[in-house]
Amino acid sequence: MQIEIRGAEKLSIRERQVVTLKETGYSSDHIARKLGLSTSTVSTLFNRARSKGYKVVIILPGEAMGLFEENEEED
């Protein structure tokens, strides 16, 4: 799985880090420990990033969705 953050150029480096971790399922507590921040700072950064209007696109290969086999060729 890959994620693409559209509008990332509007975000600070810290906001990008927080958004990436949040959008991939990590808790604010985990992010705070990993980045050496308080949980309130993580929340502030995430809310600030959300107000800037980024969008997350998740890219899943067909194999991961069970739609294709890895060696299957197109008809």
N, C-alpha and C. Protein backbone atom coordinates (compact mmCIF):
# COMPACT_ATOMS: atom_id res chain seq x y z
N MET A 1 0.84 -1.17 0.00
CA MET A 1 0.00 0.00 0.00
C MET A 1 0.89 1.24 0.00
N GLN A 2 0.48 2.22 -0.76
CA GLN A 2 1.15 3.50 -0.77
C GLN A 2 0.10 4.57 -0.50
N ILE A 3 0.53 5.65 0.12
CA ILE A 3 -0.39 6.78 0.26
C ILE A 3 0.22 7.98 -0.44
N GLU A 4 -0.64 8.79 -0.98
CA GLU A 4 -0.24 10.05 -1.60
C GLU A 4 -0.98 11.15 -0.87
N ILE A 5 -0.25 12.16 -0.45
CA ILE A 5 -0.88 13.30 0.22
C ILE A 5 -0.93 14.44 -0.78
N ARG A 6 -2.12 14.70 -1.28
CA ARG A 6 -2.28 15.80 -2.22
C ARG A 6 -2.43 17.09 -1.43
N GLY A 7 -1.72 18.11 -1.85
CA GLY A 7 -1.72 19.37 -1.13
C GLY A 7 -0.64 19.41 -0.07
N ALA A 8 0.28 18.44 -0.08
CA ALA A 8 1.35 18.37 0.93
C ALA A 8 2.25 19.60 0.88
N GLU A 9 2.31 20.25 -0.28
CA GLU A 9 3.17 21.44 -0.38
C GLU A 9 2.68 22.57 0.51
N LYS A 10 1.42 22.51 0.93
CA LYS A 10 0.86 23.52 1.83
C LYS A 10 1.22 23.27 3.29
N LEU A 11 1.73 22.06 3.57
CA LEU A 11 1.99 21.65 4.96
C LEU A 11 3.45 21.83 5.35
N SER A 12 3.67 22.12 6.63
CA SER A 12 5.04 22.15 7.15
C SER A 12 5.56 20.71 7.23
N ILE A 13 6.85 20.58 7.42
CA ILE A 13 7.44 19.24 7.55
C ILE A 13 6.80 18.48 8.71
N ARG A 14 6.65 19.12 9.86
CA ARG A 14 6.04 18.46 11.03
C ARG A 14 4.60 18.06 10.74
N GLU A 15 3.85 18.94 10.06
CA GLU A 15 2.47 18.61 9.71
C GLU A 15 2.44 17.40 8.79
N ARG A 16 3.36 17.34 7.83
CA ARG A 16 3.43 16.18 6.92
C ARG A 16 3.72 14.90 7.69
N GLN A 17 4.64 14.97 8.64
CA GLN A 17 4.97 13.79 9.44
C GLN A 17 3.75 13.31 10.21
N VAL A 18 3.08 14.25 10.87
CA VAL A 18 1.91 13.90 11.68
C VAL A 18 0.80 13.34 10.80
N VAL A 19 0.53 14.00 9.69
CA VAL A 19 -0.53 13.54 8.78
C VAL A 19 -0.23 12.14 8.27
N THR A 20 1.00 11.90 7.85
CA THR A 20 1.38 10.59 7.33
C THR A 20 1.14 9.50 8.37
N LEU A 21 1.59 9.75 9.58
CA LEU A 21 1.42 8.74 10.64
C LEU A 21 -0.05 8.59 11.03
N LYS A 22 -0.77 9.70 11.16
CA LYS A 22 -2.19 9.65 11.53
C LYS A 22 -3.01 8.91 10.48
N GLU A 23 -2.77 9.23 9.22
CA GLU A 23 -3.56 8.65 8.13
C GLU A 23 -3.22 7.18 7.88
N THR A 24 -2.11 6.72 8.42
CA THR A 24 -1.80 5.29 8.31
C THR A 24 -2.16 4.53 9.58
N GLY A 25 -2.88 5.20 10.49
CA GLY A 25 -3.48 4.50 11.61
C GLY A 25 -2.81 4.62 12.97
N TYR A 26 -1.76 5.41 13.08
CA TYR A 26 -1.09 5.53 14.36
C TYR A 26 -1.85 6.48 15.29
N SER A 27 -1.80 6.19 16.57
CA SER A 27 -2.48 7.03 17.57
C SER A 27 -1.65 8.29 17.85
N SER A 28 -2.32 9.28 18.40
CA SER A 28 -1.62 10.52 18.76
C SER A 28 -0.53 10.26 19.79
N ASP A 29 -0.78 9.34 20.73
CA ASP A 29 0.23 8.99 21.73
C ASP A 29 1.48 8.40 21.08
N HIS A 30 1.27 7.49 20.14
CA HIS A 30 2.40 6.86 19.44
C HIS A 30 3.19 7.91 18.65
N ILE A 31 2.47 8.77 17.94
CA ILE A 31 3.11 9.81 17.14
C ILE A 31 3.91 10.75 18.03
N ALA A 32 3.32 11.13 19.15
CA ALA A 32 4.01 12.03 20.09
C ALA A 32 5.32 11.41 20.57
N ARG A 33 5.29 10.14 20.93
CA ARG A 33 6.52 9.46 21.39
C ARG A 33 7.54 9.39 20.26
N LYS A 34 7.08 9.01 19.07
CA LYS A 34 7.99 8.85 17.93
C LYS A 34 8.67 10.16 17.53
N LEU A 35 7.91 11.26 17.57
CA LEU A 35 8.45 12.54 17.12
C LEU A 35 8.97 13.41 18.26
N GLY A 36 8.83 12.94 19.50
CA GLY A 36 9.31 13.71 20.64
C GLY A 36 8.47 14.96 20.91
N LEU A 37 7.16 14.83 20.72
CA LEU A 37 6.23 15.94 20.91
C LEU A 37 5.21 15.58 21.98
N SER A 38 4.47 16.56 22.44
CA SER A 38 3.36 16.27 23.35
C SER A 38 2.15 15.86 22.50
N THR A 39 1.21 15.14 23.10
CA THR A 39 0.02 14.74 22.36
C THR A 39 -0.81 15.95 21.96
N SER A 40 -0.79 17.01 22.75
CA SER A 40 -1.54 18.21 22.37
C SER A 40 -0.91 18.88 21.15
N THR A 41 0.41 18.83 21.04
CA THR A 41 1.08 19.38 19.86
C THR A 41 0.73 18.57 18.62
N VAL A 42 0.68 17.25 18.77
CA VAL A 42 0.28 16.39 17.66
C VAL A 42 -1.12 16.76 17.19
N SER A 43 -2.04 16.93 18.13
CA SER A 43 -3.41 17.31 17.79
C SER A 43 -3.46 18.66 17.09
N THR A 44 -2.70 19.61 17.60
CA THR A 44 -2.64 20.94 16.99
C THR A 44 -2.12 20.86 15.56
N LEU A 45 -1.03 20.13 15.36
CA LEU A 45 -0.46 19.99 14.02
C LEU A 45 -1.43 19.31 13.07
N PHE A 46 -2.12 18.27 13.55
CA PHE A 46 -3.07 17.56 12.70
C PHE A 46 -4.24 18.46 12.33
N ASN A 47 -4.78 19.17 13.29
CA ASN A 47 -5.90 20.08 13.02
C ASN A 47 -5.49 21.21 12.09
N ARG A 48 -4.30 21.73 12.27
CA ARG A 48 -3.81 22.79 11.39
C ARG A 48 -3.67 22.27 9.96
N ALA A 49 -3.14 21.06 9.82
CA ALA A 49 -2.99 20.45 8.49
C ALA A 49 -4.35 20.23 7.84
N ARG A 50 -5.31 19.76 8.62
CA ARG A 50 -6.66 19.54 8.08
C ARG A 50 -7.27 20.84 7.59
N SER A 51 -7.02 21.94 8.29
CA SER A 51 -7.58 23.23 7.89
C SER A 51 -6.95 23.74 6.59
N LYS A 52 -5.77 23.21 6.24
CA LYS A 52 -5.10 23.61 5.00
C LYS A 52 -5.61 22.82 3.79
N GLY A 53 -6.44 21.81 4.04
CA GLY A 53 -7.12 21.11 2.96
C GLY A 53 -6.34 20.07 2.19
N TYR A 54 -5.52 19.28 2.84
CA TYR A 54 -4.84 18.19 2.14
C TYR A 54 -5.83 17.06 1.87
N LYS A 55 -5.48 16.18 0.93
CA LYS A 55 -6.28 14.99 0.65
C LYS A 55 -5.35 13.80 0.59
N VAL A 56 -5.83 12.68 1.10
CA VAL A 56 -5.03 11.45 1.08
C VAL A 56 -5.63 10.50 0.06
N VAL A 57 -4.76 9.97 -0.78
CA VAL A 57 -5.16 8.96 -1.75
C VAL A 57 -4.39 7.70 -1.39
N ILE A 58 -5.11 6.61 -1.25
CA ILE A 58 -4.47 5.33 -0.95
C ILE A 58 -4.39 4.54 -2.25
N ILE A 59 -3.21 4.07 -2.55
CA ILE A 59 -2.98 3.31 -3.77
C ILE A 59 -2.76 1.85 -3.38
N LEU A 60 -3.69 1.01 -3.78
CA LEU A 60 -3.61 -0.42 -3.47
C LEU A 60 -3.46 -1.20 -4.76
N PRO A 61 -2.46 -2.05 -4.86
CA PRO A 61 -2.35 -2.88 -6.05
C PRO A 61 -3.48 -3.91 -6.08
N GLY A 62 -3.89 -4.29 -7.27
CA GLY A 62 -4.98 -5.26 -7.43
C GLY A 62 -4.73 -6.56 -6.68
N GLU A 63 -3.45 -6.97 -6.60
CA GLU A 63 -3.12 -8.21 -5.90
C GLU A 63 -3.51 -8.13 -4.43
N ALA A 64 -3.31 -6.97 -3.83
CA ALA A 64 -3.63 -6.80 -2.41
C ALA A 64 -5.13 -6.86 -2.17
N MET A 65 -5.91 -6.56 -3.18
CA MET A 65 -7.36 -6.58 -3.07
C MET A 65 -7.94 -7.93 -3.48
N GLY A 66 -7.06 -8.86 -3.88
CA GLY A 66 -7.52 -10.18 -4.30
C GLY A 66 -8.16 -10.17 -5.68
N LEU A 67 -7.85 -9.15 -6.49
CA LEU A 67 -8.46 -9.06 -7.81
C LEU A 67 -7.63 -9.74 -8.90
N PHE A 68 -6.33 -9.78 -8.68
CA PHE A 68 -5.43 -10.35 -9.67
C PHE A 68 -4.40 -11.21 -8.97
N GLU A 69 -3.89 -12.18 -9.68
CA GLU A 69 -2.76 -12.93 -9.16
C GLU A 69 -1.51 -12.25 -9.68
N GLU A 70 -0.43 -12.35 -8.94
CA GLU A 70 0.79 -11.63 -9.28
C GLU A 70 1.29 -11.91 -10.68
N ASN A 71 1.16 -13.14 -11.16
CA ASN A 71 1.69 -13.50 -12.47
C ASN A 71 0.63 -13.52 -13.56
N GLU A 72 -0.56 -13.07 -13.25
CA GLU A 72 -1.65 -13.07 -14.22
C GLU A 72 -1.41 -12.03 -15.30
N GLU A 73 -1.58 -12.42 -16.54
CA GLU A 73 -1.41 -11.48 -17.64
C GLU A 73 -2.78 -11.02 -18.11
N GLU A 74 -2.82 -9.82 -18.71
CA GLU A 74 -4.07 -9.29 -19.23
C GLU A 74 -4.51 -10.08 -20.43
N ASP A 75 -5.82 -10.22 -20.59
CA ASP A 75 -6.38 -10.91 -21.77
C ASP A 75 -6.47 -9.97 -22.94
